[in-house]
N, C-alpha and C. Protein backbone atom coordinates (compact mmCIF):
# COMPACT_ATOMS: atom_id res chain seq x y z
N MET A 1 118.66 72.24 38.36
CA MET A 1 119.85 71.91 39.13
C MET A 1 120.15 70.41 39.05
N GLU A 2 119.19 69.65 38.64
CA GLU A 2 119.36 68.19 38.62
C GLU A 2 120.56 67.76 37.78
N GLU A 3 120.85 68.50 36.69
CA GLU A 3 121.94 68.11 35.78
C GLU A 3 123.32 68.31 36.39
N ILE A 4 123.43 69.13 37.44
CA ILE A 4 124.74 69.43 38.01
C ILE A 4 124.95 68.79 39.38
N VAL A 5 123.94 68.08 39.87
CA VAL A 5 124.02 67.47 41.20
C VAL A 5 124.28 65.98 41.07
N ASP A 6 125.29 65.48 41.78
CA ASP A 6 125.54 64.04 41.82
C ASP A 6 124.56 63.34 42.75
N SER A 7 124.30 63.97 43.92
CA SER A 7 123.38 63.35 44.87
C SER A 7 122.85 64.36 45.86
N THR A 8 121.68 64.05 46.40
CA THR A 8 121.12 64.80 47.53
C THR A 8 120.73 63.78 48.59
N LYS A 9 120.89 64.16 49.85
CA LYS A 9 120.55 63.22 50.93
C LYS A 9 120.03 64.00 52.13
N TYR A 10 118.94 63.49 52.71
CA TYR A 10 118.41 64.04 53.94
C TYR A 10 119.29 63.60 55.10
N GLY A 11 119.35 64.43 56.15
CA GLY A 11 120.22 64.14 57.28
C GLY A 11 119.64 63.19 58.30
N LEU A 12 120.37 63.05 59.39
CA LEU A 12 120.06 62.09 60.47
C LEU A 12 118.94 62.57 61.37
N SER A 13 118.04 61.68 61.69
CA SER A 13 117.00 61.97 62.69
C SER A 13 117.45 61.42 64.04
N VAL A 14 118.50 62.01 64.57
CA VAL A 14 119.07 61.58 65.85
C VAL A 14 119.24 62.82 66.71
N LYS A 15 118.88 62.71 67.97
CA LYS A 15 119.01 63.85 68.88
C LYS A 15 120.47 64.02 69.29
N GLY A 16 120.97 65.24 69.17
CA GLY A 16 122.34 65.54 69.56
C GLY A 16 122.44 65.81 71.05
N SER A 17 123.67 65.71 71.57
CA SER A 17 123.92 66.00 72.98
C SER A 17 125.28 66.68 73.12
N ASN A 18 125.67 66.96 74.37
CA ASN A 18 126.94 67.63 74.60
C ASN A 18 128.15 66.71 74.42
N LYS A 19 127.90 65.40 74.39
CA LYS A 19 128.99 64.43 74.24
C LYS A 19 128.63 63.46 73.13
N GLY A 20 129.65 62.89 72.52
CA GLY A 20 129.43 61.89 71.49
C GLY A 20 130.65 61.79 70.60
N LYS A 21 130.61 60.83 69.71
CA LYS A 21 131.77 60.55 68.86
C LYS A 21 131.88 61.53 67.71
N PHE A 22 130.73 61.92 67.13
CA PHE A 22 130.76 62.75 65.92
C PHE A 22 129.98 64.05 66.12
N PRO A 23 130.56 65.19 65.69
CA PRO A 23 129.79 66.43 65.71
C PRO A 23 128.71 66.38 64.62
N ILE A 24 127.52 66.88 64.96
CA ILE A 24 126.41 66.90 64.01
C ILE A 24 126.06 68.37 63.71
N LEU A 25 126.05 68.71 62.44
CA LEU A 25 125.71 70.07 62.04
C LEU A 25 124.21 70.21 61.93
N ARG A 26 123.72 71.35 62.44
CA ARG A 26 122.28 71.63 62.46
C ARG A 26 122.02 72.95 61.74
N MET A 27 120.75 73.35 61.73
CA MET A 27 120.36 74.56 61.03
C MET A 27 121.13 75.78 61.51
N ASN A 28 121.35 75.88 62.83
CA ASN A 28 122.02 77.06 63.37
C ASN A 28 123.49 77.13 63.00
N ASN A 29 124.05 76.07 62.41
CA ASN A 29 125.45 76.10 61.99
C ASN A 29 125.64 76.69 60.60
N LEU A 30 124.53 76.97 59.91
CA LEU A 30 124.61 77.55 58.57
C LEU A 30 124.49 79.07 58.69
N ILE A 31 125.60 79.76 58.49
CA ILE A 31 125.62 81.21 58.69
C ILE A 31 126.32 81.88 57.52
N GLY A 32 125.58 82.70 56.80
CA GLY A 32 126.17 83.51 55.74
C GLY A 32 126.91 82.74 54.67
N GLY A 33 126.41 81.55 54.33
CA GLY A 33 127.06 80.76 53.28
C GLY A 33 128.19 79.89 53.76
N GLN A 34 128.51 79.98 55.06
CA GLN A 34 129.59 79.18 55.62
C GLN A 34 129.07 78.36 56.79
N VAL A 35 129.76 77.26 57.05
CA VAL A 35 129.41 76.42 58.20
C VAL A 35 130.18 76.92 59.41
N ASP A 36 129.44 77.25 60.47
CA ASP A 36 130.02 77.70 61.72
C ASP A 36 130.05 76.51 62.68
N THR A 37 131.24 76.13 63.13
CA THR A 37 131.38 74.95 63.99
C THR A 37 131.59 75.34 65.46
N SER A 38 131.22 76.56 65.83
CA SER A 38 131.47 77.00 67.21
C SER A 38 130.46 76.43 68.21
N GLU A 39 129.24 76.16 67.80
CA GLU A 39 128.23 75.61 68.72
C GLU A 39 127.76 74.27 68.18
N LEU A 40 128.40 73.22 68.66
CA LEU A 40 128.12 71.89 68.13
C LEU A 40 127.40 71.01 69.14
N GLN A 41 126.66 70.06 68.62
CA GLN A 41 126.17 68.94 69.39
C GLN A 41 126.82 67.69 68.79
N TYR A 42 126.70 66.57 69.51
CA TYR A 42 127.41 65.35 69.12
C TYR A 42 126.47 64.16 69.13
N VAL A 43 126.82 63.14 68.33
CA VAL A 43 126.03 61.91 68.29
C VAL A 43 126.99 60.72 68.25
N ASP A 44 126.50 59.58 68.72
CA ASP A 44 127.23 58.33 68.58
C ASP A 44 126.55 57.52 67.49
N LEU A 45 127.34 57.02 66.54
CA LEU A 45 126.80 56.27 65.40
C LEU A 45 127.64 55.03 65.15
N GLU A 46 127.00 54.01 64.62
CA GLU A 46 127.74 52.85 64.12
C GLU A 46 128.51 53.28 62.87
N ASP A 47 129.59 52.55 62.54
CA ASP A 47 130.44 52.94 61.41
C ASP A 47 129.68 53.05 60.10
N ASP A 48 128.78 52.10 59.82
CA ASP A 48 128.07 52.13 58.54
C ASP A 48 127.13 53.34 58.46
N GLN A 49 126.50 53.69 59.58
CA GLN A 49 125.61 54.84 59.60
C GLN A 49 126.43 56.14 59.45
N PHE A 50 127.58 56.18 60.11
CA PHE A 50 128.45 57.34 59.97
C PHE A 50 128.85 57.54 58.51
N GLU A 51 129.23 56.47 57.83
CA GLU A 51 129.67 56.60 56.43
C GLU A 51 128.55 57.13 55.54
N ARG A 52 127.30 56.77 55.82
CA ARG A 52 126.18 57.25 55.00
C ARG A 52 125.92 58.74 55.19
N PHE A 53 126.24 59.28 56.37
CA PHE A 53 125.92 60.67 56.67
C PHE A 53 127.16 61.55 56.87
N ARG A 54 128.30 61.01 56.54
CA ARG A 54 129.57 61.73 56.68
C ARG A 54 129.63 62.87 55.65
N LEU A 55 130.09 64.02 56.09
CA LEU A 55 130.26 65.15 55.18
C LEU A 55 131.65 65.15 54.59
N SER A 56 131.73 65.51 53.32
CA SER A 56 133.00 65.67 52.62
C SER A 56 133.20 67.14 52.32
N LYS A 57 134.45 67.56 52.21
CA LYS A 57 134.72 68.95 51.85
C LYS A 57 134.01 69.27 50.54
N ASP A 58 133.45 70.46 50.48
CA ASP A 58 132.72 70.99 49.32
C ASP A 58 131.28 70.50 49.23
N ASP A 59 130.82 69.69 50.20
CA ASP A 59 129.39 69.40 50.24
C ASP A 59 128.64 70.68 50.57
N ILE A 60 127.47 70.82 50.02
CA ILE A 60 126.62 71.98 50.31
C ILE A 60 125.48 71.51 51.19
N LEU A 61 125.23 72.26 52.26
CA LEU A 61 124.14 71.95 53.18
C LEU A 61 123.02 72.95 52.97
N PHE A 62 121.81 72.41 52.81
CA PHE A 62 120.63 73.22 52.49
C PHE A 62 119.59 73.01 53.58
N ASN A 63 119.12 74.11 54.17
CA ASN A 63 118.14 74.06 55.25
C ASN A 63 116.75 73.86 54.63
N ARG A 64 116.26 72.64 54.68
CA ARG A 64 115.02 72.31 53.97
C ARG A 64 113.76 72.59 54.76
N THR A 65 113.84 72.62 56.09
CA THR A 65 112.67 72.83 56.93
C THR A 65 112.99 73.83 58.02
N ASN A 66 112.18 74.90 58.07
CA ASN A 66 112.37 75.92 59.09
C ASN A 66 111.23 76.91 58.96
N SER A 67 111.34 78.04 59.66
CA SER A 67 110.38 79.11 59.45
C SER A 67 110.53 79.59 58.01
N PHE A 68 109.51 80.24 57.50
CA PHE A 68 109.55 80.70 56.10
C PHE A 68 110.77 81.59 55.85
N GLU A 69 111.15 82.40 56.83
CA GLU A 69 112.28 83.32 56.67
C GLU A 69 113.61 82.58 56.57
N LEU A 70 113.71 81.43 57.23
CA LEU A 70 115.00 80.73 57.31
C LEU A 70 115.11 79.52 56.39
N VAL A 71 113.99 79.03 55.86
CA VAL A 71 114.07 77.88 54.95
C VAL A 71 114.87 78.31 53.73
N GLY A 72 115.75 77.43 53.27
CA GLY A 72 116.58 77.74 52.11
C GLY A 72 117.98 78.22 52.45
N LYS A 73 118.26 78.46 53.75
CA LYS A 73 119.63 78.84 54.11
C LYS A 73 120.59 77.79 53.58
N THR A 74 121.69 78.24 53.04
CA THR A 74 122.63 77.34 52.38
C THR A 74 124.05 77.68 52.78
N SER A 75 124.87 76.66 53.04
CA SER A 75 126.28 76.88 53.36
C SER A 75 127.11 75.73 52.81
N MET A 76 128.38 76.03 52.54
CA MET A 76 129.28 75.01 52.03
C MET A 76 130.18 74.51 53.16
N PHE A 77 130.35 73.19 53.23
CA PHE A 77 131.17 72.55 54.25
C PHE A 77 132.62 72.50 53.78
N ILE A 78 133.52 73.16 54.53
CA ILE A 78 134.94 73.14 54.16
C ILE A 78 135.83 72.77 55.35
N SER A 79 135.23 72.31 56.43
CA SER A 79 135.98 72.02 57.65
C SER A 79 136.72 70.69 57.57
N ASP A 80 137.78 70.58 58.37
CA ASP A 80 138.47 69.30 58.53
C ASP A 80 137.75 68.51 59.61
N GLY A 81 137.88 67.21 59.58
CA GLY A 81 137.30 66.38 60.62
C GLY A 81 136.08 65.61 60.15
N ASP A 82 135.58 64.77 61.05
CA ASP A 82 134.46 63.88 60.75
C ASP A 82 133.17 64.49 61.29
N TYR A 83 132.33 64.97 60.38
CA TYR A 83 131.06 65.59 60.74
C TYR A 83 129.92 64.86 60.04
N VAL A 84 128.74 64.92 60.67
CA VAL A 84 127.51 64.43 60.06
C VAL A 84 126.50 65.59 60.11
N PHE A 85 125.30 65.36 59.57
CA PHE A 85 124.34 66.46 59.48
C PHE A 85 122.94 66.00 59.87
N ALA A 86 122.18 66.95 60.40
CA ALA A 86 120.87 66.65 60.98
C ALA A 86 119.76 66.59 59.92
N SER A 87 118.63 66.06 60.35
CA SER A 87 117.52 65.73 59.45
C SER A 87 116.89 66.91 58.74
N TYR A 88 116.97 68.10 59.29
CA TYR A 88 116.35 69.25 58.62
C TYR A 88 117.22 69.80 57.50
N LEU A 89 118.36 69.17 57.28
CA LEU A 89 119.27 69.61 56.23
C LEU A 89 119.30 68.60 55.08
N ILE A 90 119.64 69.10 53.90
CA ILE A 90 119.91 68.25 52.74
C ILE A 90 121.37 68.45 52.37
N ARG A 91 122.08 67.34 52.19
CA ARG A 91 123.46 67.41 51.69
C ARG A 91 123.42 67.34 50.17
N ILE A 92 124.03 68.32 49.53
CA ILE A 92 124.11 68.35 48.07
C ILE A 92 125.55 68.10 47.66
N SER A 93 125.78 67.06 46.88
CA SER A 93 127.09 66.80 46.29
C SER A 93 126.97 67.09 44.81
N VAL A 94 127.88 67.93 44.29
CA VAL A 94 127.75 68.36 42.89
C VAL A 94 128.71 67.61 41.98
N ASP A 95 128.40 67.64 40.69
CA ASP A 95 129.29 67.12 39.66
C ASP A 95 130.32 68.21 39.37
N LYS A 96 131.53 68.04 39.89
CA LYS A 96 132.55 69.09 39.80
C LYS A 96 133.07 69.29 38.38
N GLU A 97 132.71 68.42 37.45
CA GLU A 97 133.07 68.64 36.05
C GLU A 97 132.11 69.63 35.39
N LYS A 98 131.00 69.92 36.08
CA LYS A 98 130.00 70.85 35.53
C LYS A 98 129.87 72.14 36.33
N VAL A 99 130.04 72.05 37.64
CA VAL A 99 129.86 73.24 38.47
C VAL A 99 130.81 73.21 39.66
N LEU A 100 131.34 74.38 39.99
CA LEU A 100 132.18 74.50 41.19
C LEU A 100 131.28 74.63 42.41
N PRO A 101 131.54 73.87 43.47
CA PRO A 101 130.70 73.96 44.67
C PRO A 101 130.58 75.39 45.20
N ARG A 102 131.69 76.13 45.20
CA ARG A 102 131.64 77.51 45.70
C ARG A 102 130.74 78.39 44.83
N PHE A 103 130.78 78.16 43.52
CA PHE A 103 129.92 78.93 42.63
C PHE A 103 128.45 78.66 42.96
N LEU A 104 128.10 77.38 43.10
CA LEU A 104 126.71 77.04 43.41
C LEU A 104 126.31 77.59 44.77
N ASN A 105 127.21 77.52 45.75
CA ASN A 105 126.92 78.06 47.07
C ASN A 105 126.64 79.56 47.00
N TYR A 106 127.51 80.29 46.28
CA TYR A 106 127.26 81.72 46.11
C TYR A 106 125.92 81.96 45.43
N TYR A 107 125.65 81.19 44.39
CA TYR A 107 124.40 81.39 43.64
C TYR A 107 123.17 81.14 44.53
N LEU A 108 123.21 80.06 45.31
CA LEU A 108 122.07 79.73 46.16
C LEU A 108 121.87 80.75 47.28
N ASN A 109 122.92 81.51 47.61
CA ASN A 109 122.81 82.52 48.66
C ASN A 109 122.45 83.91 48.14
N LEU A 110 122.36 84.07 46.83
CA LEU A 110 121.94 85.37 46.28
C LEU A 110 120.53 85.70 46.75
N PRO A 111 120.25 86.96 47.08
CA PRO A 111 118.89 87.33 47.51
C PRO A 111 117.81 86.92 46.50
N GLY A 112 118.08 87.10 45.22
CA GLY A 112 117.10 86.70 44.21
C GLY A 112 116.85 85.20 44.20
N THR A 113 117.91 84.42 44.37
CA THR A 113 117.76 82.96 44.41
C THR A 113 117.02 82.54 45.67
N GLN A 114 117.35 83.18 46.79
CA GLN A 114 116.65 82.87 48.05
C GLN A 114 115.15 83.15 47.91
N LYS A 115 114.82 84.21 47.21
CA LYS A 115 113.40 84.53 46.98
C LYS A 115 112.74 83.44 46.13
N ARG A 116 113.44 82.99 45.09
CA ARG A 116 112.90 81.92 44.24
C ARG A 116 112.75 80.62 45.02
N LEU A 117 113.72 80.32 45.90
CA LEU A 117 113.63 79.11 46.71
C LEU A 117 112.41 79.16 47.63
N LYS A 118 112.16 80.30 48.22
CA LYS A 118 111.01 80.43 49.11
C LYS A 118 109.69 80.21 48.36
N MET A 119 109.68 80.53 47.07
CA MET A 119 108.49 80.29 46.26
C MET A 119 108.24 78.78 46.08
N LEU A 120 109.28 77.98 46.24
CA LEU A 120 109.15 76.52 46.12
C LEU A 120 108.65 75.88 47.43
N ALA A 121 108.71 76.65 48.51
CA ALA A 121 108.43 76.09 49.83
C ALA A 121 106.95 75.75 50.01
N THR A 122 106.72 74.61 50.63
CA THR A 122 105.38 74.23 51.08
C THR A 122 105.24 74.78 52.49
N ARG A 123 104.22 75.59 52.70
CA ARG A 123 104.06 76.25 54.01
C ARG A 123 103.12 75.46 54.90
N GLY A 124 103.55 75.31 56.15
CA GLY A 124 102.73 74.67 57.17
C GLY A 124 102.59 75.60 58.36
N VAL A 125 102.06 75.10 59.44
CA VAL A 125 101.90 75.91 60.65
C VAL A 125 103.28 76.13 61.28
N GLY A 126 103.81 77.33 61.14
CA GLY A 126 105.09 77.68 61.74
C GLY A 126 106.30 77.11 61.03
N GLN A 127 106.12 76.26 60.05
CA GLN A 127 107.24 75.63 59.34
C GLN A 127 106.99 75.67 57.83
N SER A 128 108.07 75.79 57.09
CA SER A 128 108.02 75.68 55.64
C SER A 128 109.01 74.61 55.24
N ASN A 129 108.78 73.99 54.08
CA ASN A 129 109.61 72.88 53.65
C ASN A 129 109.89 72.97 52.15
N ILE A 130 111.13 72.68 51.79
CA ILE A 130 111.50 72.54 50.38
C ILE A 130 112.10 71.14 50.23
N SER A 131 111.44 70.28 49.48
CA SER A 131 111.91 68.91 49.32
C SER A 131 113.13 68.87 48.39
N ALA A 132 113.86 67.77 48.47
CA ALA A 132 115.02 67.58 47.59
C ALA A 132 114.57 67.59 46.13
N ALA A 133 113.41 67.01 45.84
CA ALA A 133 112.91 66.98 44.46
C ALA A 133 112.66 68.40 43.94
N LYS A 134 112.03 69.24 44.77
CA LYS A 134 111.79 70.63 44.35
C LYS A 134 113.11 71.38 44.20
N LEU A 135 114.02 71.14 45.11
CA LEU A 135 115.32 71.80 45.05
C LEU A 135 116.04 71.44 43.75
N LYS A 136 116.02 70.17 43.40
CA LYS A 136 116.70 69.74 42.17
C LYS A 136 116.05 70.34 40.92
N GLY A 137 114.79 70.74 41.02
CA GLY A 137 114.10 71.35 39.89
C GLY A 137 114.42 72.83 39.69
N LEU A 138 115.16 73.44 40.63
CA LEU A 138 115.52 74.84 40.52
C LEU A 138 116.44 75.06 39.31
N LEU A 139 116.12 76.04 38.48
CA LEU A 139 116.97 76.35 37.34
C LEU A 139 118.17 77.16 37.80
N VAL A 140 119.37 76.73 37.40
CA VAL A 140 120.61 77.38 37.81
C VAL A 140 121.42 77.67 36.55
N PRO A 141 121.80 78.94 36.32
CA PRO A 141 122.67 79.23 35.18
C PRO A 141 124.05 78.67 35.45
N VAL A 142 124.61 77.98 34.46
CA VAL A 142 125.92 77.35 34.66
C VAL A 142 126.87 77.79 33.56
N PRO A 143 127.62 78.86 33.81
CA PRO A 143 128.62 79.28 32.82
C PRO A 143 129.77 78.27 32.77
N PRO A 144 130.66 78.40 31.79
CA PRO A 144 131.82 77.50 31.73
C PRO A 144 132.63 77.56 33.03
N LEU A 145 133.32 76.47 33.35
CA LEU A 145 134.07 76.39 34.60
C LEU A 145 135.08 77.52 34.77
N VAL A 146 135.71 77.95 33.66
CA VAL A 146 136.70 79.03 33.75
C VAL A 146 136.02 80.32 34.22
N GLU A 147 134.84 80.59 33.70
CA GLU A 147 134.10 81.78 34.12
C GLU A 147 133.61 81.64 35.56
N GLN A 148 133.17 80.43 35.92
CA GLN A 148 132.76 80.19 37.31
C GLN A 148 133.92 80.50 38.26
N GLU A 149 135.13 80.06 37.89
CA GLU A 149 136.31 80.28 38.73
C GLU A 149 136.58 81.77 38.89
N ARG A 150 136.46 82.53 37.79
CA ARG A 150 136.68 83.99 37.88
C ARG A 150 135.65 84.64 38.80
N ILE A 151 134.39 84.21 38.68
CA ILE A 151 133.33 84.75 39.54
C ILE A 151 133.62 84.44 41.00
N VAL A 152 133.99 83.19 41.27
CA VAL A 152 134.29 82.77 42.65
C VAL A 152 135.46 83.56 43.21
N GLN A 153 136.54 83.74 42.42
CA GLN A 153 137.71 84.49 42.90
C GLN A 153 137.34 85.92 43.24
N THR A 154 136.52 86.54 42.40
CA THR A 154 136.09 87.92 42.66
C THR A 154 135.25 88.00 43.94
N LEU A 155 134.31 87.09 44.09
CA LEU A 155 133.45 87.11 45.27
C LEU A 155 134.23 86.77 46.54
N ARG A 156 135.19 85.86 46.44
CA ARG A 156 136.01 85.54 47.63
C ARG A 156 136.85 86.74 48.04
N ALA A 157 137.39 87.47 47.06
CA ALA A 157 138.17 88.67 47.37
C ALA A 157 137.29 89.70 48.08
N LEU A 158 136.06 89.84 47.61
CA LEU A 158 135.12 90.76 48.26
C LEU A 158 134.78 90.28 49.67
N ASP A 159 134.57 88.99 49.84
CA ASP A 159 134.30 88.44 51.17
C ASP A 159 135.45 88.73 52.13
N GLU A 160 136.69 88.54 51.65
CA GLU A 160 137.86 88.79 52.49
C GLU A 160 137.95 90.26 52.88
N LYS A 161 137.64 91.15 51.94
CA LYS A 161 137.67 92.59 52.23
C LYS A 161 136.59 92.94 53.26
N ILE A 162 135.39 92.38 53.09
CA ILE A 162 134.31 92.63 54.04
C ILE A 162 134.70 92.13 55.43
N GLU A 163 135.29 90.94 55.50
CA GLU A 163 135.70 90.39 56.80
C GLU A 163 136.80 91.24 57.44
N SER A 164 137.74 91.73 56.63
CA SER A 164 138.81 92.59 57.13
C SER A 164 138.22 93.87 57.71
N GLU A 165 137.28 94.47 56.99
CA GLU A 165 136.64 95.71 57.48
C GLU A 165 135.82 95.43 58.74
N ALA A 166 135.17 94.28 58.79
CA ALA A 166 134.38 93.92 59.98
C ALA A 166 135.29 93.76 61.20
N LYS A 167 136.48 93.17 61.01
CA LYS A 167 137.43 93.02 62.12
C LYS A 167 137.89 94.39 62.61
N THR A 168 138.18 95.28 61.66
CA THR A 168 138.59 96.64 62.03
C THR A 168 137.48 97.33 62.83
N LYS A 169 136.24 97.18 62.36
CA LYS A 169 135.09 97.78 63.06
C LYS A 169 134.97 97.23 64.47
N ARG A 170 135.11 95.90 64.62
CA ARG A 170 135.01 95.29 65.96
C ARG A 170 136.11 95.81 66.88
N ALA A 171 137.34 95.95 66.34
CA ALA A 171 138.45 96.45 67.15
C ALA A 171 138.21 97.89 67.58
N LEU A 172 137.70 98.72 66.68
CA LEU A 172 137.42 100.11 67.03
C LEU A 172 136.28 100.21 68.04
N GLU A 173 135.27 99.36 67.91
CA GLU A 173 134.18 99.35 68.89
C GLU A 173 134.69 98.96 70.27
N GLU A 174 135.62 98.03 70.33
CA GLU A 174 136.19 97.63 71.62
C GLU A 174 137.01 98.76 72.24
N ILE A 175 137.76 99.47 71.40
CA ILE A 175 138.52 100.63 71.90
C ILE A 175 137.55 101.68 72.45
N LEU A 176 136.45 101.92 71.73
CA LEU A 176 135.45 102.90 72.19
C LEU A 176 134.84 102.48 73.52
N ARG A 177 134.48 101.19 73.65
CA ARG A 177 133.91 100.69 74.91
C ARG A 177 134.89 100.87 76.07
N THR A 178 136.16 100.55 75.81
CA THR A 178 137.18 100.70 76.85
C THR A 178 137.34 102.16 77.25
N LEU A 179 137.36 103.03 76.27
CA LEU A 179 137.50 104.45 76.53
C LEU A 179 136.33 104.99 77.34
N ILE A 180 135.12 104.59 76.99
CA ILE A 180 133.93 105.02 77.73
C ILE A 180 134.00 104.54 79.17
N ARG A 181 134.40 103.27 79.38
CA ARG A 181 134.55 102.73 80.73
C ARG A 181 135.57 103.54 81.54
N GLN A 182 136.68 103.86 80.90
CA GLN A 182 137.73 104.61 81.60
C GLN A 182 137.26 106.02 81.97
N ILE A 183 136.48 106.65 81.08
CA ILE A 183 135.94 107.98 81.36
C ILE A 183 134.94 107.90 82.52
N LEU A 184 134.04 106.89 82.44
CA LEU A 184 133.02 106.76 83.48
C LEU A 184 133.61 106.39 84.85
N ASN A 185 134.71 105.67 84.84
CA ASN A 185 135.36 105.28 86.09
C ASN A 185 136.35 106.34 86.59
N GLY A 186 136.49 107.41 85.86
CA GLY A 186 137.39 108.49 86.27
C GLY A 186 138.85 108.22 86.00
N GLN A 187 139.16 107.17 85.24
CA GLN A 187 140.55 106.87 84.92
C GLN A 187 141.11 107.87 83.91
N ILE A 188 140.23 108.42 83.10
CA ILE A 188 140.62 109.43 82.11
C ILE A 188 139.67 110.60 82.28
N ARG A 189 140.24 111.80 82.25
CA ARG A 189 139.40 113.00 82.31
C ARG A 189 139.28 113.57 80.91
N ILE A 190 138.08 113.98 80.55
CA ILE A 190 137.85 114.47 79.18
C ILE A 190 138.72 115.66 78.87
N GLN A 191 138.91 116.57 79.82
CA GLN A 191 139.71 117.75 79.52
C GLN A 191 141.18 117.40 79.27
N ASP A 192 141.61 116.19 79.70
CA ASP A 192 143.00 115.76 79.47
C ASP A 192 143.18 115.13 78.10
N MET A 193 142.06 114.86 77.43
CA MET A 193 142.14 114.16 76.14
C MET A 193 142.44 115.14 75.02
N GLU A 194 143.31 114.71 74.12
CA GLU A 194 143.65 115.54 72.96
C GLU A 194 142.74 115.11 71.80
N VAL A 195 142.03 116.05 71.22
CA VAL A 195 141.15 115.76 70.10
C VAL A 195 141.84 116.21 68.83
N ARG A 196 141.89 115.34 67.84
CA ARG A 196 142.56 115.69 66.58
C ARG A 196 141.54 115.90 65.49
């Protein structure tokens, strides 16, 4: 991976709080290949420190230290705004003339790649670690950019379909919960219901 990465950087060793100037992304913000900004903590930083740890769109965040099951979680940062990242994460900036960030993000999230990453982990008591040096040593197949783009478009279309189906499922589950509540509260009688 070293040939396609412009830089890797470890995050900030600063404790987050409920207030502060900048939101700081942590391990729990990496979900399913995407950065979830719903549960944030904040930090106050001097301008020069902020610039060193500022995230740019298309940066990839890699969970370098965690339990063995969670080490290696990877997500791509695509949010607007000024964010920084915590010490247990590595920021990966790629050479976009060689690899598309989304392609690399998808690749790093493949089950087979996650298994290979875990093989790189140094295991400790309750924690495992993958250093930036080991991460950069990971072999990554890099097809031509045109092919990478086709792969990314196909996978994004599948992601959108999965999300659409998940929304439908959530809506139907809510209708079912409401219906059960109404039956249990006597608002609807089963014999009055039409079954199709």
